[in-house]
Protein backbone atom coordinates (compact mmCIF):
# COMPACT_ATOMS: atom_id res chain seq x y z
CA MET A 1 -29.32 -149.67 -95.99
CA LYS A 2 -26.83 -147.34 -97.58
CA LEU A 3 -27.67 -143.65 -97.29
CA SER A 4 -26.89 -141.16 -99.96
CA LYS A 5 -24.58 -138.28 -99.10
CA GLN A 6 -27.50 -135.85 -99.07
CA ALA A 7 -29.56 -138.08 -96.79
CA PHE A 8 -26.65 -138.48 -94.37
CA VAL A 9 -26.15 -134.71 -94.06
CA ALA A 10 -29.87 -134.18 -93.52
CA SER A 11 -29.86 -136.84 -90.82
CA VAL A 12 -26.94 -135.20 -88.94
CA MET A 13 -28.60 -131.76 -89.13
CA SER A 14 -31.84 -133.22 -87.81
CA VAL A 15 -30.04 -134.74 -84.80
CA ALA A 16 -28.17 -131.49 -84.09
CA ALA A 17 -31.36 -129.45 -84.29
CA GLY A 18 -33.15 -131.85 -81.98
CA SER A 19 -30.28 -131.63 -79.46
CA SER A 20 -30.32 -127.81 -79.33
CA TRP A 21 -34.05 -127.64 -78.65
CA SER A 22 -33.87 -130.20 -75.84
CA GLN A 23 -32.32 -127.65 -73.37
CA THR A 24 -35.20 -125.87 -71.59
CA THR A 25 -33.38 -124.19 -68.66
CA ASP A 26 -30.20 -122.26 -67.99
CA GLN A 27 -28.79 -120.53 -64.93
CA LEU A 28 -28.35 -116.82 -64.26
CA GLN A 29 -25.75 -115.85 -61.69
CA VAL A 30 -25.38 -112.49 -59.97
CA VAL A 31 -21.82 -112.05 -58.73
CA GLY A 32 -19.87 -109.32 -56.95
CA THR A 33 -17.82 -108.74 -53.84
CA ILE A 34 -18.43 -106.42 -50.92
CA MET A 35 -14.88 -105.47 -50.03
CA SER A 36 -14.03 -105.69 -46.37
CA PRO A 37 -12.45 -102.47 -45.10
CA ALA A 38 -8.92 -102.73 -43.86
CA CYS A 39 -7.66 -100.28 -41.25
CA ASP A 40 -4.45 -100.13 -39.26
CA VAL A 41 -4.34 -98.60 -35.79
CA VAL A 42 -1.16 -97.05 -34.42
CA LEU A 43 -0.68 -95.45 -31.01
CA SER A 44 1.80 -92.60 -30.68
CA ASN A 45 4.95 -93.23 -28.65
CA GLY A 46 4.43 -96.96 -29.10
CA GLY A 47 1.35 -96.81 -26.87
CA ILE A 48 3.44 -96.02 -23.78
CA VAL A 49 2.34 -93.21 -21.46
CA ASP A 50 5.26 -92.68 -19.07
CA PHE A 51 4.76 -90.61 -15.93
CA GLY A 52 8.35 -91.18 -14.79
CA ASP A 53 9.42 -91.15 -11.17
CA ILE A 54 6.93 -89.75 -8.66
CA ALA A 55 8.05 -88.73 -5.18
CA ARG A 56 6.09 -90.37 -2.40
CA SER A 57 5.73 -86.95 -0.78
CA THR A 58 3.35 -86.09 -3.66
CA LEU A 59 0.71 -88.43 -2.19
CA SER A 60 -1.84 -87.35 0.39
CA PRO A 61 -2.57 -89.49 3.47
CA THR A 62 -6.26 -88.57 3.38
CA ALA A 63 -7.31 -88.09 -0.27
CA THR A 64 -6.56 -89.25 -3.80
CA THR A 65 -4.04 -87.15 -5.70
CA GLY A 66 -4.19 -86.20 -9.38
CA ILE A 67 -0.63 -85.98 -10.68
CA GLY A 68 -1.33 -84.53 -14.11
CA SER A 69 -1.83 -85.93 -17.61
CA LYS A 70 -0.12 -86.73 -20.90
CA GLN A 71 -1.47 -86.88 -24.44
CA LEU A 72 -1.49 -89.92 -26.72
CA ASP A 73 -2.92 -90.09 -30.23
CA ILE A 74 -4.78 -93.01 -31.78
CA ASP A 75 -4.12 -92.95 -35.53
CA VAL A 76 -6.29 -95.11 -37.78
CA GLN A 77 -5.47 -95.45 -41.48
CA CYS A 78 -7.96 -97.21 -43.79
CA ASN A 79 -7.68 -98.37 -47.40
CA GLY A 80 -10.81 -96.45 -48.42
CA LYS A 81 -13.62 -94.27 -47.09
CA THR A 82 -14.88 -96.06 -44.00
CA ASN A 83 -17.08 -95.47 -40.97
CA ILE A 84 -15.31 -96.63 -37.82
CA ALA A 85 -15.51 -96.46 -34.07
CA ILE A 86 -12.86 -97.12 -31.44
CA LYS A 87 -13.49 -99.58 -28.63
CA THR A 88 -11.55 -99.34 -25.36
CA THR A 89 -11.29 -102.18 -22.87
CA ASP A 90 -9.49 -102.18 -19.53
CA THR A 91 -7.46 -105.40 -19.34
CA LEU A 92 -7.37 -105.17 -15.54
CA THR A 93 -10.25 -105.90 -13.18
CA ALA A 94 -12.28 -103.83 -10.74
CA ALA A 95 -9.99 -105.08 -7.95
CA ASP A 96 -7.07 -103.28 -9.63
CA LYS A 97 -8.45 -99.79 -8.95
CA PRO A 98 -9.82 -97.97 -5.89
CA ALA A 99 -13.58 -97.94 -5.38
CA GLY A 100 -15.47 -94.66 -5.43
CA GLN A 101 -14.45 -91.29 -6.83
CA MET A 102 -10.92 -90.10 -7.55
CA SER A 103 -9.51 -86.67 -8.38
CA PHE A 104 -7.93 -86.23 -11.84
CA ARG A 105 -6.07 -83.22 -13.24
CA PHE A 106 -6.31 -82.98 -17.04
CA GLU A 107 -3.72 -80.71 -18.62
CA GLN A 108 -3.93 -81.29 -22.40
CA ILE A 109 -7.60 -81.41 -23.43
CA THR A 110 -10.05 -79.03 -21.68
CA PRO A 111 -7.67 -78.56 -18.73
CA GLY A 112 -9.06 -78.76 -15.22
CA THR A 113 -9.42 -80.93 -12.13
CA VAL A 114 -12.45 -83.19 -11.90
CA ASN A 115 -13.73 -85.97 -9.65
CA LEU A 116 -14.60 -89.06 -11.66
CA ALA A 117 -16.55 -92.13 -10.62
CA THR A 118 -15.55 -95.79 -10.87
CA ASP A 119 -17.00 -96.21 -14.37
CA ASN A 120 -14.56 -93.61 -15.77
CA ILE A 121 -11.53 -95.05 -13.98
CA PHE A 122 -9.15 -97.62 -15.45
CA GLY A 123 -6.90 -99.61 -13.10
CA LEU A 124 -3.19 -99.16 -12.39
CA GLY A 125 -2.76 -102.49 -10.59
CA THR A 126 -1.97 -103.28 -6.97
CA SER A 127 1.04 -102.91 -4.68
CA SER A 128 2.73 -105.60 -2.57
CA ASN A 129 -0.05 -105.45 0.03
CA GLY A 130 -2.68 -106.29 -2.62
CA MET A 131 -4.26 -102.83 -2.44
CA PRO A 132 -4.92 -100.75 -5.61
CA ILE A 133 -2.33 -98.11 -6.42
CA GLY A 134 -4.71 -95.75 -8.16
CA GLY A 135 -6.27 -95.28 -11.57
CA TYR A 136 -6.11 -93.41 -14.83
CA ALA A 137 -8.81 -91.66 -16.85
CA MET A 138 -8.92 -90.92 -20.59
CA ARG A 139 -10.46 -87.81 -22.13
CA LEU A 140 -11.14 -87.63 -25.87
CA GLY A 141 -10.80 -84.33 -27.71
CA ASN A 142 -11.68 -83.12 -31.21
CA VAL A 143 -11.20 -85.92 -33.74
CA LYS A 144 -9.50 -85.24 -37.07
CA VAL A 145 -10.89 -87.13 -40.08
CA ASP A 146 -8.78 -86.66 -43.22
CA THR A 147 -8.44 -82.85 -43.43
CA ALA A 148 -11.47 -81.96 -41.26
CA THR A 149 -11.47 -81.42 -37.51
CA VAL A 150 -14.68 -82.92 -36.12
CA THR A 151 -16.11 -81.34 -33.00
CA VAL A 152 -19.10 -83.65 -32.58
CA LEU A 153 -18.43 -86.96 -30.85
CA GLY A 154 -20.60 -90.02 -30.45
CA TYR A 155 -20.46 -92.86 -27.97
CA ASN A 156 -22.47 -95.88 -26.86
CA ALA A 157 -22.29 -99.08 -24.87
CA ALA A 158 -23.90 -101.70 -27.07
CA GLY A 159 -21.70 -101.54 -30.16
CA PRO A 160 -21.87 -100.91 -33.91
CA GLY A 161 -25.47 -102.01 -34.45
CA THR A 162 -27.06 -99.40 -32.16
CA ALA A 163 -27.39 -95.63 -32.26
CA PHE A 164 -24.58 -93.47 -30.96
CA THR A 165 -25.33 -90.70 -28.45
CA THR A 166 -23.97 -87.23 -29.19
CA GLY A 167 -21.21 -86.40 -26.76
CA GLY A 168 -20.15 -82.86 -27.64
CA ALA A 169 -16.55 -81.74 -28.11
CA THR A 170 -14.91 -83.69 -25.26
CA PHE A 171 -15.76 -86.98 -23.64
CA ASN A 172 -14.39 -88.91 -20.67
CA LEU A 173 -14.10 -92.55 -21.68
CA SER A 174 -15.89 -95.06 -19.48
CA GLN A 175 -16.16 -98.78 -18.90
CA THR A 176 -19.80 -98.69 -20.01
CA ASN A 177 -19.73 -96.38 -23.05
CA LYS A 178 -16.68 -98.04 -24.51
CA TYR A 179 -17.37 -97.29 -28.20
CA PHE A 180 -16.68 -93.79 -29.52
CA THR A 181 -16.54 -92.15 -32.94
CA ALA A 182 -16.84 -88.88 -34.87
CA LEU A 183 -20.27 -87.68 -36.00
CA THR A 184 -21.42 -85.03 -38.46
CA PRO A 185 -23.57 -82.15 -37.14
CA ALA A 186 -26.57 -84.19 -38.31
CA ALA A 187 -25.40 -87.07 -36.07
CA ALA A 188 -24.40 -89.27 -39.04
CA PHE A 189 -21.16 -91.23 -38.98
CA PHE A 190 -18.19 -89.28 -40.31
CA SER A 191 -16.58 -91.28 -43.11
CA GLY A 192 -12.88 -91.06 -43.93
CA GLU A 193 -9.60 -92.80 -44.63
CA ASN A 194 -7.43 -91.26 -41.92
CA PHE A 195 -8.62 -90.72 -38.36
CA LYS A 196 -6.79 -89.16 -35.42
CA PHE A 197 -8.31 -89.56 -31.94
CA PRO A 198 -6.44 -87.43 -29.37
CA LEU A 199 -6.51 -88.76 -25.80
CA ASP A 200 -5.56 -86.91 -22.65
CA ILE A 201 -4.58 -89.55 -20.07
CA ALA A 202 -4.57 -88.48 -16.43
CA VAL A 203 -3.36 -90.47 -13.42
CA SER A 204 -4.67 -90.32 -9.86
CA LEU A 205 -3.01 -92.09 -6.91
CA ASP A 206 -4.71 -93.45 -3.82
CA MET A 207 -3.96 -92.28 -0.28
CA SER A 208 -0.38 -92.84 0.88
CA SER A 209 -1.79 -94.68 3.91
CA LYS A 210 -2.89 -97.47 1.54
CA ILE A 211 0.33 -97.72 -0.49
CA PRO A 212 3.42 -99.34 1.13
CA GLY A 213 6.45 -97.09 1.35
CA GLN A 214 9.29 -99.56 1.81
CA ASP A 215 9.64 -100.44 -1.91
CA ASP A 216 9.20 -98.77 -5.28
CA VAL A 217 5.63 -99.20 -6.55
CA ARG A 218 5.19 -99.49 -10.31
CA PHE A 219 2.11 -98.71 -12.40
CA ASN A 220 0.66 -101.56 -14.44
CA GLY A 221 -2.20 -99.93 -16.35
CA LYS A 222 -3.15 -101.62 -19.64
CA SER A 223 -6.03 -101.03 -22.06
CA THR A 224 -6.87 -102.57 -25.42
CA ILE A 225 -7.72 -100.20 -28.28
CA GLU A 226 -9.73 -101.82 -31.08
CA VAL A 227 -11.07 -100.53 -34.42
CA VAL A 228 -14.74 -101.40 -34.99
CA TYR A 229 -16.31 -101.10 -38.47
CA LEU A 230 -19.73 -99.44 -38.58
């Protein structure tokens, strides 16, 4: 059967209308991106804390000897306002440091001589006889966040997902409480783009009776510093 022009147009419109009404669902999408923070960590002096040459006569035959300290800064630069903590890990083992307390003399941050226990001591390695040389301790001072100097510190053992304990203005780093950060007076995380964590690093040497004297004995202390996002 031959359709008239008018009938043909009506037929096409009818098909098109029927097609448009046949769609009963569509899809809504909610999109967006939570941007991952990006921070760079840089240690002053290339991360090297050099105590130079130490005369053997400095050591005591009966007690550990604190030989002073040097400061190193941890600088963290982020691409936007971020809450961060710093995690410290001794890369050596318990066998690489003396057991029990050691005497440390801090000279840069809250100067003074203190006896610290094993948990606060990081290893310096062993000498040729397999005995530990000594240890080093790290004291954290007032943290600078952008233009503000923060005098309230926080630390914990479990990591980013748990509450930080207020630590005051200075804090001796430990193997247990290895996460530390800056807090506001209300104990909230201090947010910023540029962080400076000053560390005072003190060395203590074991008794001379435990360290061989026929050869030079070199320190081999190593720690990993890691930025953790909160």
